């Protein structure tokens, strides 16, 4: 019962009725974040940007959830 509740609350259906995994939603946010950082810091490679985002996550006790994308962007920029 609990596992069904967790599963149903962790997924969504988009307006066209297609199931969207929560991981896809997170990946979309991550992709947008990386794109914004690449535009802001063209002198850094994608790998360097991803490494800096991972450093922000490490500093934030291993998670990025709960932080606004703009906050993650600022903290990552400071590391870069």
C-alpha atoms as a PDB file:
ATOM      1  CA  UNK A   1       0.000   0.000   0.000  1.00  0.00           C
ATOM      2  CA  UNK A   2       2.700   2.510   0.963  1.00  0.00           C
ATOM      3  CA  UNK A   3       4.814   1.686  -2.058  1.00  0.00           C
ATOM      4  CA  UNK A   4       1.828   2.336  -4.319  1.00  0.00           C
ATOM      5  CA  UNK A   5       1.268   5.695  -2.663  1.00  0.00           C
ATOM      6  CA  UNK A   6       4.896   6.650  -3.077  1.00  0.00           C
ATOM      7  CA  UNK A   7       4.885   5.578  -6.714  1.00  0.00           C
ATOM      8  CA  UNK A   8       1.724   7.469  -7.560  1.00  0.00           C
ATOM      9  CA  UNK A   9       2.855  10.630  -5.804  1.00  0.00           C
ATOM     10  CA  UNK A  10       6.262  10.574  -7.483  1.00  0.00           C
ATOM     11  CA  UNK A  11       5.044  10.535 -11.048  1.00  0.00           C
ATOM     12  CA  UNK A  12       2.797  12.656 -13.171  1.00  0.00           C
ATOM     13  CA  UNK A  13       0.891  12.703 -16.403  1.00  0.00           C
ATOM     14  CA  UNK A  14       1.397  15.635 -18.733  1.00  0.00           C
ATOM     15  CA  UNK A  15      -1.585  17.398 -20.381  1.00  0.00           C
ATOM     16  CA  UNK A  16      -1.486  15.090 -23.410  1.00  0.00           C
ATOM     17  CA  UNK A  17      -1.927  12.082 -21.091  1.00  0.00           C
ATOM     18  CA  UNK A  18       1.626  10.764 -21.457  1.00  0.00           C
ATOM     19  CA  UNK A  19       3.272   9.415 -18.309  1.00  0.00           C
ATOM     20  CA  UNK A  20       6.285  11.472 -17.234  1.00  0.00           C
ATOM     21  CA  UNK A  21       8.782   9.968 -14.834  1.00  0.00           C
ATOM     22  CA  UNK A  22       9.969  12.198 -11.978  1.00  0.00           C
ATOM     23  CA  UNK A  23      13.503  11.494 -13.172  1.00  0.00           C
ATOM     24  CA  UNK A  24      12.694  12.991 -16.567  1.00  0.00           C
ATOM     25  CA  UNK A  25      11.334  16.091 -14.857  1.00  0.00           C
ATOM     26  CA  UNK A  26      14.514  16.436 -12.821  1.00  0.00           C
ATOM     27  CA  UNK A  27      16.652  15.842 -15.877  1.00  0.00           C
ATOM     28  CA  UNK A  28      14.783  18.602 -17.682  1.00  0.00           C
ATOM     29  CA  UNK A  29      15.555  21.044 -14.866  1.00  0.00           C
ATOM     30  CA  UNK A  30      19.165  19.904 -14.820  1.00  0.00           C
ATOM     31  CA  UNK A  31      19.437  20.333 -18.587  1.00  0.00           C
ATOM     32  CA  UNK A  32      18.005  23.862 -18.330  1.00  0.00           C
ATOM     33  CA  UNK A  33      20.425  24.674 -15.515  1.00  0.00           C
ATOM     34  CA  UNK A  34      23.432  23.443 -17.481  1.00  0.00           C
ATOM     35  CA  UNK A  35      22.279  25.355 -20.573  1.00  0.00           C
ATOM     36  CA  UNK A  36      21.927  28.578 -18.552  1.00  0.00           C
ATOM     37  CA  UNK A  37      25.370  28.072 -17.031  1.00  0.00           C
ATOM     38  CA  UNK A  38      26.905  27.379 -20.458  1.00  0.00           C
ATOM     39  CA  UNK A  39      25.436  30.652 -21.742  1.00  0.00           C
ATOM     40  CA  UNK A  40      26.696  32.513 -18.679  1.00  0.00           C
ATOM     41  CA  UNK A  41      30.148  30.877 -18.691  1.00  0.00           C
ATOM     42  CA  UNK A  42      31.058  29.960 -22.288  1.00  0.00           C
ATOM     43  CA  UNK A  43      34.708  29.625 -21.262  1.00  0.00           C
ATOM     44  CA  UNK A  44      33.929  26.409 -19.346  1.00  0.00           C
ATOM     45  CA  UNK A  45      33.179  23.009 -20.861  1.00  0.00           C
ATOM     46  CA  UNK A  46      29.974  21.136 -20.097  1.00  0.00           C
ATOM     47  CA  UNK A  47      31.975  18.654 -18.013  1.00  0.00           C
ATOM     48  CA  UNK A  48      33.464  21.465 -15.917  1.00  0.00           C
ATOM     49  CA  UNK A  49      29.991  22.948 -15.371  1.00  0.00           C
ATOM     50  CA  UNK A  50      28.523  19.577 -14.382  1.00  0.00           C
ATOM     51  CA  UNK A  51      31.453  19.085 -11.984  1.00  0.00           C
ATOM     52  CA  UNK A  52      30.759  22.463 -10.380  1.00  0.00           C
ATOM     53  CA  UNK A  53      27.039  21.605 -10.015  1.00  0.00           C
ATOM     54  CA  UNK A  54      28.058  18.334  -8.356  1.00  0.00           C
ATOM     55  CA  UNK A  55      30.276  20.310  -5.985  1.00  0.00           C
ATOM     56  CA  UNK A  56      27.279  22.503  -5.047  1.00  0.00           C
ATOM     57  CA  UNK A  57      25.299  19.332  -4.364  1.00  0.00           C
ATOM     58  CA  UNK A  58      28.121  17.945  -2.216  1.00  0.00           C
ATOM     59  CA  UNK A  59      28.294  21.189  -0.215  1.00  0.00           C
ATOM     60  CA  UNK A  60      24.503  21.071   0.233  1.00  0.00           C
ATOM     61  CA  UNK A  61      24.571  17.682   2.027  1.00  0.00           C
ATOM     62  CA  UNK A  62      24.278  15.687  -1.198  1.00  0.00           C
ATOM     63  CA  UNK A  63      21.036  17.183  -2.510  1.00  0.00           C
ATOM     64  CA  UNK A  64      19.934  20.005  -4.759  1.00  0.00           C
ATOM     65  CA  UNK A  65      16.205  19.633  -4.213  1.00  0.00           C
ATOM     66  CA  UNK A  66      14.781  22.490  -2.233  1.00  0.00           C
ATOM     67  CA  UNK A  67      17.164  25.006  -3.772  1.00  0.00           C
ATOM     68  CA  UNK A  68      15.873  27.364  -6.445  1.00  0.00           C
ATOM     69  CA  UNK A  69      17.522  26.938  -9.839  1.00  0.00           C
ATOM     70  CA  UNK A  70      18.710  30.555  -9.616  1.00  0.00           C
ATOM     71  CA  UNK A  71      20.362  29.774  -6.271  1.00  0.00           C
ATOM     72  CA  UNK A  72      22.078  26.691  -7.698  1.00  0.00           C
ATOM     73  CA  UNK A  73      23.177  28.798 -10.680  1.00  0.00           C
ATOM     74  CA  UNK A  74      24.687  31.463  -8.385  1.00  0.00           C
ATOM     75  CA  UNK A  75      26.499  28.931  -6.190  1.00  0.00           C
ATOM     76  CA  UNK A  76      27.806  27.075  -9.253  1.00  0.00           C
ATOM     77  CA  UNK A  77      28.990  30.337 -10.810  1.00  0.00           C
ATOM     78  CA  UNK A  78      30.900  31.137  -7.633  1.00  0.00           C
ATOM     79  CA  UNK A  79      32.677  27.770  -7.871  1.00  0.00           C
ATOM     80  CA  UNK A  80      33.479  28.244 -11.554  1.00  0.00           C
END
